[in-house]
Amino acid sequence: MLIPRYYFAHDFEDFYEYLLACPHTRRTFRKGDLLWNLGENVTRVYYILSGIALTSLEHENGLRKISSLHSTGTIFPGAHRLRFKIEHSISTSALSDMEVLCFSNEDFLDMLCTNRELNLCTIDWYATYINLLLYESAHQKYNSSFIKLCNLLYLFLQNSPRGKEGRIDLTQENIAEILSMTRVNAARNLARLRDEQIIVPHRKWIQVIDLKALEAYCSEETLSR
């Protein structure tokens, strides 16, 4: 059974050669660059060759909620024929230097129509993204702030980048913005996990040293078993 993901990577690696043969441009983004500007509809689709992109929703009151991260071998944001107002509030920025293949929305729609396997893979990818949104709205929303944090750390561990097992590259600020809590609340809950010797916090990342103890605090909907 699949569990929710906040970190998306390697979903479309099997289509790399096909994507190279389709009309595209190759682009680079520096850390902090926006992949598209706030206030505009999304008209480009990116296949990420390297680096990490962070997607968040910017509220009119100035608050921000991080929704997901996207890295090597995945496609974001996908293509569709509709235009949604909420797109104007979506911000996707380079968390590190990035290199991507860039496709127009129209070209990618044509690719979906002609390549059945790419189409099916894209549908599966959308399903995993919808699963995350449903998990947050129908489950995570009703947990205590401490359980929310434990769930988040567990899910990031299950989908951590290759070669970084046991390490979670999130700052305290990132955690607060993903979970829609104050930084004070996030710091208090992280301190509890630290004091119970479940994690070792670092300046820009977290090391989980007792996975079993972390799992014991997670909600059943979150666990992979």
Protein backbone atom coordinates (compact mmCIF):
# COMPACT_ATOMS: atom_id res chain seq x y z
CA MET A 1 0.00 0.00 0.00
CA LEU A 2 1.31 3.43 -0.91
CA ILE A 3 1.63 6.12 1.74
CA PRO A 4 1.61 9.90 1.22
CA ARG A 5 4.68 11.67 -0.16
CA TYR A 6 5.87 15.22 0.28
CA TYR A 7 9.06 14.57 -1.70
CA PHE A 8 8.69 13.52 -5.34
CA ALA A 9 11.61 12.11 -7.33
CA HIS A 10 12.45 9.44 -9.95
CA ASP A 11 8.81 9.05 -11.07
CA PHE A 12 9.53 9.59 -14.79
CA GLU A 13 13.12 8.38 -15.17
CA ASP A 14 12.11 5.64 -17.61
CA PHE A 15 10.94 8.33 -20.07
CA TYR A 16 14.21 10.31 -20.15
CA GLU A 17 15.24 9.30 -23.67
CA TYR A 18 11.74 9.87 -25.00
CA LEU A 19 11.57 13.32 -23.39
CA LEU A 20 14.93 14.25 -24.92
CA ALA A 21 13.54 13.46 -28.37
CA CYS A 22 10.48 15.70 -27.90
CA PRO A 23 10.43 19.49 -28.48
CA HIS A 24 11.95 21.19 -25.45
CA THR A 25 14.45 23.72 -24.20
CA ARG A 26 17.08 23.14 -21.55
CA ARG A 27 17.06 25.65 -18.71
CA THR A 28 18.97 26.30 -15.51
CA PHE A 29 17.74 27.96 -12.34
CA ARG A 30 19.88 29.31 -9.54
CA LYS A 31 18.99 28.74 -5.91
CA GLY A 32 16.07 31.04 -5.06
CA ASP A 33 14.89 31.54 -8.65
CA LEU A 34 11.17 31.17 -9.36
CA LEU A 35 10.24 28.53 -11.95
CA TRP A 36 7.30 30.78 -12.86
CA ASN A 37 6.08 34.06 -11.45
CA LEU A 38 3.37 34.54 -8.89
CA GLY A 39 0.16 35.81 -10.44
CA GLU A 40 0.49 33.93 -13.72
CA ASN A 41 -1.03 30.68 -14.93
CA VAL A 42 1.28 27.72 -15.24
CA THR A 43 2.16 27.26 -18.92
CA ARG A 44 5.40 25.26 -18.68
CA VAL A 45 6.16 21.70 -17.67
CA TYR A 46 9.58 20.77 -16.27
CA TYR A 47 11.43 17.47 -16.20
CA ILE A 48 14.01 17.90 -13.45
CA LEU A 49 17.51 16.74 -14.35
CA SER A 50 19.14 17.93 -11.11
CA GLY A 51 18.34 19.98 -8.04
CA ILE A 52 15.23 20.41 -5.91
CA ALA A 53 12.18 22.64 -6.36
CA LEU A 54 9.95 23.71 -3.49
CA THR A 55 6.26 24.45 -4.09
CA SER A 56 4.17 26.53 -1.74
CA LEU A 57 0.86 28.36 -1.60
CA GLU A 58 1.10 32.07 -0.87
CA HIS A 59 -1.90 33.46 1.04
CA GLU A 60 -3.06 37.05 0.58
CA ASN A 61 -2.32 37.72 4.26
CA GLY A 62 1.38 36.98 3.65
CA LEU A 63 1.46 33.50 5.15
CA ARG A 64 2.96 30.62 3.20
CA LYS A 65 2.26 26.88 3.24
CA ILE A 66 4.79 24.53 1.70
CA SER A 67 2.97 21.76 -0.15
CA SER A 68 5.67 19.56 -1.73
CA LEU A 69 9.23 19.18 -3.01
CA HIS A 70 10.24 17.89 -6.45
CA SER A 71 13.60 16.56 -7.52
CA THR A 72 15.58 14.52 -10.05
CA GLY A 73 13.67 12.37 -12.50
CA THR A 74 10.22 13.78 -11.91
CA ILE A 75 7.92 16.08 -13.87
CA PHE A 76 6.27 19.13 -12.40
CA PRO A 77 3.66 20.58 -12.53
CA GLY A 78 2.10 18.36 -15.20
CA ALA A 79 -0.18 19.54 -18.01
CA HIS A 80 -3.90 20.14 -18.33
CA ARG A 81 -6.37 22.10 -20.46
CA LEU A 82 -7.96 24.13 -17.66
CA ARG A 83 -6.96 27.36 -15.92
CA PHE A 84 -7.50 27.66 -12.18
CA LYS A 85 -7.38 30.90 -10.21
CA ILE A 86 -5.42 29.18 -7.42
CA GLU A 87 -2.49 28.88 -9.85
CA HIS A 88 -1.87 32.59 -9.28
CA SER A 89 -1.03 31.81 -5.65
CA ILE A 90 1.29 28.88 -6.34
CA SER A 91 4.99 29.60 -5.95
CA THR A 92 7.67 27.13 -7.06
CA SER A 93 11.27 28.11 -6.42
CA ALA A 94 14.65 26.43 -6.76
CA LEU A 95 15.77 25.15 -3.37
CA SER A 96 19.15 24.47 -4.95
CA ASP A 97 20.67 25.09 -8.38
CA MET A 98 18.58 23.22 -10.94
CA GLU A 99 18.83 21.98 -14.52
CA VAL A 100 15.58 21.06 -16.30
CA LEU A 101 14.02 20.17 -19.61
CA CYS A 102 11.25 22.67 -20.29
CA PHE A 103 8.14 21.79 -22.34
CA SER A 104 5.21 23.98 -23.29
CA ASN A 105 1.87 22.92 -21.84
CA GLU A 106 0.54 22.34 -25.38
CA ASP A 107 3.47 20.17 -26.44
CA PHE A 108 3.23 18.08 -23.29
CA LEU A 109 -0.48 17.52 -23.84
CA ASP A 110 0.36 16.24 -27.34
CA MET A 111 2.94 13.91 -25.82
CA LEU A 112 0.34 12.53 -23.43
CA CYS A 113 -1.98 11.87 -26.36
CA THR A 114 0.62 9.96 -28.37
CA ASN A 115 2.50 8.08 -25.63
CA ARG A 116 0.19 5.78 -23.70
CA GLU A 117 2.75 4.80 -21.07
CA LEU A 118 3.64 8.42 -20.34
CA ASN A 119 -0.07 9.17 -20.05
CA LEU A 120 -0.62 6.34 -17.56
CA CYS A 121 2.45 7.32 -15.54
CA THR A 122 1.20 10.91 -15.39
CA ILE A 123 -2.20 9.74 -14.16
CA ASP A 124 -0.48 7.70 -11.44
CA TRP A 125 1.61 10.73 -10.49
CA TYR A 126 -1.49 12.90 -10.21
CA ALA A 127 -3.05 10.21 -8.01
CA THR A 128 -0.09 10.32 -5.60
CA TYR A 129 -0.35 14.11 -5.44
CA ILE A 130 -4.10 13.95 -4.78
CA ASN A 131 -3.39 11.32 -2.12
CA LEU A 132 -1.13 13.81 -0.34
CA LEU A 133 -3.78 16.55 -0.47
CA LEU A 134 -6.47 14.19 0.82
CA TYR A 135 -4.16 12.97 3.58
CA GLU A 136 -3.54 16.52 4.73
CA SER A 137 -7.16 17.67 4.57
CA ALA A 138 -8.92 14.50 5.79
CA HIS A 139 -6.37 13.10 8.25
CA GLN A 140 -3.38 15.21 9.20
CA LYS A 141 -5.60 18.22 9.90
CA TYR A 142 -7.16 16.49 12.92
CA ASN A 143 -3.93 15.38 14.60
CA SER A 144 -2.18 17.27 17.39
CA SER A 145 0.77 19.42 16.35
CA PHE A 146 3.18 16.85 17.83
CA ILE A 147 1.64 13.94 15.91
CA LYS A 148 1.62 16.06 12.73
CA LEU A 149 5.36 16.59 13.15
CA CYS A 150 6.07 12.90 13.76
CA ASN A 151 4.02 11.95 10.71
CA LEU A 152 5.87 14.48 8.56
CA LEU A 153 9.32 13.30 9.63
CA TYR A 154 8.37 9.66 9.08
CA LEU A 155 7.01 10.34 5.58
CA PHE A 156 10.11 12.28 4.59
CA LEU A 157 12.28 9.41 5.79
CA GLN A 158 10.31 6.96 3.64
CA ASN A 159 10.96 9.10 0.55
CA SER A 160 14.33 10.63 1.36
CA PRO A 161 16.79 11.30 -1.50
CA ARG A 162 19.07 8.42 -2.40
CA GLY A 163 22.19 8.38 -0.26
CA LYS A 164 20.58 10.43 2.53
CA GLU A 165 18.83 7.70 4.52
CA GLY A 166 18.09 8.83 8.07
CA ARG A 167 18.62 12.47 7.13
CA ILE A 168 15.81 15.00 6.57
CA ASP A 169 16.80 18.19 4.78
CA LEU A 170 14.21 20.47 6.36
CA THR A 171 14.74 23.54 8.50
CA GLN A 172 12.56 24.46 11.45
CA GLU A 173 11.02 27.16 9.28
CA ASN A 174 10.27 24.63 6.51
CA ILE A 175 8.53 22.35 9.00
CA ALA A 176 6.41 25.19 10.35
CA GLU A 177 5.36 26.18 6.81
CA ILE A 178 4.49 22.63 5.76
CA LEU A 179 2.42 21.99 8.88
CA SER A 180 0.89 25.49 9.08
CA MET A 181 2.08 26.01 12.65
CA THR A 182 4.13 28.72 14.32
CA ARG A 183 7.90 28.38 14.49
CA VAL A 184 7.63 28.42 18.29
CA ASN A 185 5.30 25.43 18.19
CA ALA A 186 7.54 23.60 15.74
CA ALA A 187 10.59 24.29 17.91
CA ARG A 188 8.78 23.01 21.03
CA ASN A 189 7.82 19.73 19.35
CA LEU A 190 11.28 19.23 17.86
CA ALA A 191 12.77 19.82 21.30
CA ARG A 192 10.57 17.06 22.72
CA LEU A 193 11.83 14.60 20.10
CA ARG A 194 15.39 15.72 20.80
CA ASP A 195 14.99 15.29 24.56
CA GLU A 196 13.58 11.79 24.01
CA GLN A 197 16.68 11.02 21.89
CA ILE A 198 14.62 10.31 18.77
CA ILE A 199 16.23 13.00 16.63
CA VAL A 200 19.37 15.10 16.53
CA PRO A 201 18.55 18.58 15.15
CA HIS A 202 21.14 20.36 13.06
CA ARG A 203 21.08 23.88 11.66
CA LYS A 204 19.46 22.99 8.32
CA TRP A 205 18.64 19.32 8.67
CA ILE A 206 17.46 16.66 11.10
CA GLN A 207 18.89 13.23 11.83
CA VAL A 208 16.52 10.51 13.01
CA ILE A 209 18.37 8.15 15.34
CA ASP A 210 15.44 6.08 16.71
CA LEU A 211 12.98 5.24 13.94
CA LYS A 212 11.01 2.77 16.07
CA ALA A 213 10.33 5.41 18.70
CA LEU A 214 9.27 7.87 15.98
CA GLU A 215 6.92 5.28 14.44
CA ALA A 216 5.28 4.73 17.85
CA TYR A 217 4.05 8.33 17.79
CA CYS A 218 2.78 8.26 14.19
CA SER A 219 -0.87 7.81 13.26
CA GLU A 220 -1.91 4.53 11.65
CA GLU A 221 -2.80 6.20 8.33
CA THR A 222 0.81 7.33 8.02
CA LEU A 223 2.65 4.07 8.56
CA SER A 224 3.64 1.85 5.66
CA ARG A 225 2.82 -1.41 7.39
